Amino acid sequence: MSYAEKDEAKRLVAAVWDRQRKLWHVAAETPLERVGRWLPDA
């Protein structure tokens, strides 16, 4: 996700930044429909 979207992701899906791995995490039970727009294209 872009830096501009980080606050929205935190608010909508409780996304958390992992500084060591440099990536975002959400809870495993978060429905994919809620995070789909931030997933890379397959």
Protein backbone atom coordinates (compact mmCIF):
# COMPACT_ATOMS: atom_id res chain seq x y z
CA MET A 1 0.00 0.00 0.00
CA SER A 2 1.08 3.52 -0.50
CA TYR A 3 2.19 5.71 2.37
CA ALA A 4 -0.89 7.87 1.81
CA GLU A 5 -3.16 4.87 2.49
CA LYS A 6 -1.50 3.68 5.69
CA ASP A 7 -3.83 5.48 8.10
CA GLU A 8 -6.89 4.20 6.28
CA ALA A 9 -5.56 0.62 6.38
CA LYS A 10 -4.83 0.94 10.09
CA ARG A 11 -8.36 2.19 10.72
CA LEU A 12 -10.26 -0.19 8.42
CA VAL A 13 -8.42 -3.48 8.88
CA ALA A 14 -6.13 -2.86 11.87
CA ALA A 15 -3.04 -3.17 9.67
CA VAL A 16 0.26 -3.15 11.57
CA TRP A 17 3.68 -2.26 10.14
CA ASP A 18 6.54 -4.68 10.86
CA ARG A 19 9.66 -2.52 10.84
CA GLN A 20 12.08 -5.42 10.78
CA ARG A 21 10.44 -7.20 7.83
CA LYS A 22 9.28 -3.95 6.21
CA LEU A 23 5.76 -5.15 5.45
CA TRP A 24 2.21 -4.81 6.66
CA HIS A 25 0.27 -7.44 8.61
CA VAL A 26 -3.41 -7.95 9.33
CA ALA A 27 -5.04 -10.58 11.52
CA ALA A 28 -5.46 -13.96 9.83
CA GLU A 29 -9.21 -13.81 10.32
CA THR A 30 -9.50 -10.53 8.38
CA PRO A 31 -11.66 -11.25 5.29
CA LEU A 32 -9.71 -10.96 2.04
CA GLU A 33 -12.46 -8.72 0.65
CA ARG A 34 -11.44 -6.08 3.19
CA VAL A 35 -7.75 -6.11 2.22
CA GLY A 36 -7.97 -7.05 -1.46
CA ARG A 37 -7.23 -3.59 -2.76
CA TRP A 38 -3.82 -3.68 -1.06
CA LEU A 39 -2.84 -7.16 -2.23
CA PRO A 40 -0.48 -7.43 -5.19
CA ASP A 41 -1.90 -8.64 -8.49
CA ALA A 42 -1.26 -12.33 -9.06
